[in-house]
Protein backbone atom coordinates (compact mmCIF):
# COMPACT_ATOMS: atom_id res chain seq x y z
CA MET A 1 142.85 93.31 118.45
CA LYS A 2 145.98 95.48 118.97
CA ARG A 3 148.33 96.05 116.23
CA ALA A 4 151.91 94.71 116.76
CA SER A 5 154.50 97.10 117.95
CA PRO A 6 157.84 96.00 116.79
CA GLU A 7 159.34 99.45 117.19
CA ARG A 8 158.25 99.57 120.89
CA ASN A 9 159.65 96.06 121.48
CA ILE A 10 163.03 96.96 119.90
CA GLN A 11 163.05 100.17 122.03
CA ILE A 12 162.35 98.37 125.35
CA ALA A 13 165.43 95.94 124.47
CA ILE A 14 167.66 98.83 123.52
CA ARG A 15 167.03 100.83 126.64
CA SER A 16 167.80 97.69 128.66
CA ALA A 17 171.04 96.99 126.86
CA LEU A 18 172.04 100.74 127.28
CA THR A 19 171.62 100.60 130.88
CA MET A 20 173.69 97.43 131.30
CA LEU A 21 176.53 99.55 129.29
CA GLY A 22 176.12 102.50 131.68
CA VAL A 23 174.25 104.53 129.35
CA ARG A 24 171.27 106.51 130.42
CA SER A 25 168.29 106.94 128.14
CA ARG A 26 164.90 108.61 128.03
CA HIS A 27 162.06 108.35 125.57
CA VAL A 28 160.59 111.37 123.94
CA PRO A 29 156.83 110.37 123.39
CA ASN A 30 155.78 112.35 120.42
CA ALA A 31 153.65 109.68 118.79
CA GLY A 32 150.16 108.87 119.89
CA LYS A 33 146.60 110.11 119.49
CA ARG A 34 145.74 113.25 121.45
CA SER A 35 142.78 115.59 121.59
CA LEU A 36 143.24 118.89 119.69
CA VAL A 37 143.72 120.86 122.75
CA ALA A 38 146.15 118.46 124.31
CA GLY A 39 148.04 118.36 120.95
CA ARG A 40 148.29 122.27 120.87
CA MET A 41 149.45 122.37 124.63
CA LEU A 42 152.12 119.75 124.02
CA LYS A 43 153.27 121.86 120.80
CA GLN A 44 153.43 124.97 122.79
CA GLU A 45 155.68 123.15 125.51
CA GLY A 46 158.14 122.18 122.68
CA MET A 47 157.01 118.92 121.44
CA VAL A 48 157.69 118.57 117.65
CA ALA A 49 157.00 115.71 115.07
CA GLY A 50 159.94 113.85 114.14
CA PHE A 51 162.17 114.39 117.18
CA PRO A 52 164.20 111.13 117.87
CA ASP A 53 162.74 108.64 119.99
CA LEU A 54 165.60 108.37 122.68
CA ILE A 55 167.92 110.77 124.32
CA CYS A 56 171.00 109.02 125.55
CA TRP A 57 173.86 110.20 127.85
CA ASP A 58 176.78 108.82 129.96
CA ALA A 59 178.11 109.97 133.29
CA ARG A 60 180.71 112.22 131.51
CA GLY A 61 177.82 114.37 130.09
CA GLN A 62 178.29 113.02 126.33
CA VAL A 63 174.79 113.03 124.63
CA GLY A 64 173.40 111.21 121.72
CA PHE A 65 170.07 110.70 120.15
CA LEU A 66 168.43 107.41 118.53
CA GLU A 67 165.72 107.28 116.25
CA VAL A 68 164.32 103.68 116.63
CA LYS A 69 162.91 101.92 113.48
CA ALA A 70 161.62 98.35 112.74
CA ALA A 71 163.50 96.39 110.38
CA LYS A 72 161.35 97.56 107.42
CA GLY A 73 160.46 100.80 109.15
CA ARG A 74 160.90 104.06 107.09
CA LEU A 75 161.71 107.49 108.18
CA SER A 76 159.19 110.38 107.90
CA ASP A 77 159.99 113.59 106.21
CA ALA A 78 160.02 115.26 109.54
CA GLN A 79 162.36 112.61 111.10
CA VAL A 80 164.71 113.05 108.03
CA ASP A 81 164.69 116.75 108.55
CA HIS A 82 165.44 116.50 112.27
CA ILE A 83 168.25 114.05 111.77
CA GLU A 84 169.92 116.17 108.91
CA GLY A 85 169.72 119.39 111.15
CA MET A 86 171.08 117.47 114.01
CA GLU A 87 173.99 116.50 111.91
CA ARG A 88 174.56 119.92 110.65
CA ASP A 89 174.62 121.08 114.32
CA GLN A 90 177.32 118.36 114.99
CA LEU A 91 175.06 116.31 117.30
CA ARG A 92 175.25 112.56 117.72
CA VAL A 93 172.31 111.08 116.04
CA ALA A 94 171.66 107.60 114.58
CA VAL A 95 168.75 105.46 113.22
CA VAL A 96 168.90 101.95 114.69
CA ARG A 97 166.70 99.01 113.96
CA SER A 98 168.19 96.53 116.60
CA VAL A 99 170.03 96.36 119.83
CA ASP A 100 173.20 95.62 118.11
CA ASP A 101 172.81 98.95 115.96
CA ALA A 102 172.27 100.93 119.35
CA VAL A 103 175.15 99.46 121.05
CA ALA A 104 177.29 100.00 118.00
CA ALA A 105 176.17 103.73 117.80
CA VAL A 106 176.76 104.57 121.62
CA ARG A 107 180.14 102.64 121.38
CA GLY A 108 181.20 104.58 118.37
CA TRP A 109 180.25 107.92 120.24
CA GLY A 110 182.54 106.64 123.06
CA MET A 111 179.68 106.54 125.50
CA ALA A 112 179.44 102.71 126.63
CA ARG A 113 181.84 101.36 129.01
C-alpha cells in the first residue's frame, strides 16, 4: 500500500489556486529515490537538497519561492539553510502549510491580482 502524501495534495491545490490568481508556478522535484548515477548527474546539473518546492512568478517578473509542508511537517536542516540564505539575499521565500498560507504569501509579495 502506498503511503499518504499530504504535502503533494497541498501542493497540487496551491498550484491550482495560484493559477487562478494569475501567478505561475513550477515544481522543483528534488525528492525521490534515484540510482547513484542519476543522483550524481542531477547534482552536476544543479539539483540540491532543501531547495524550495515551488518557484512562483507573475507577469511583471516578480519571483518568489514556496516550501510546502504538511500541517505537522518539519523543515530539514538543508531546507532551513536554503530559506535562511535566500532571506539573507533578500529573495521572497515562505513556508506554507495550506492554500490560504500560499495565497497570503503571494499577495503579501504583491504578486496576486
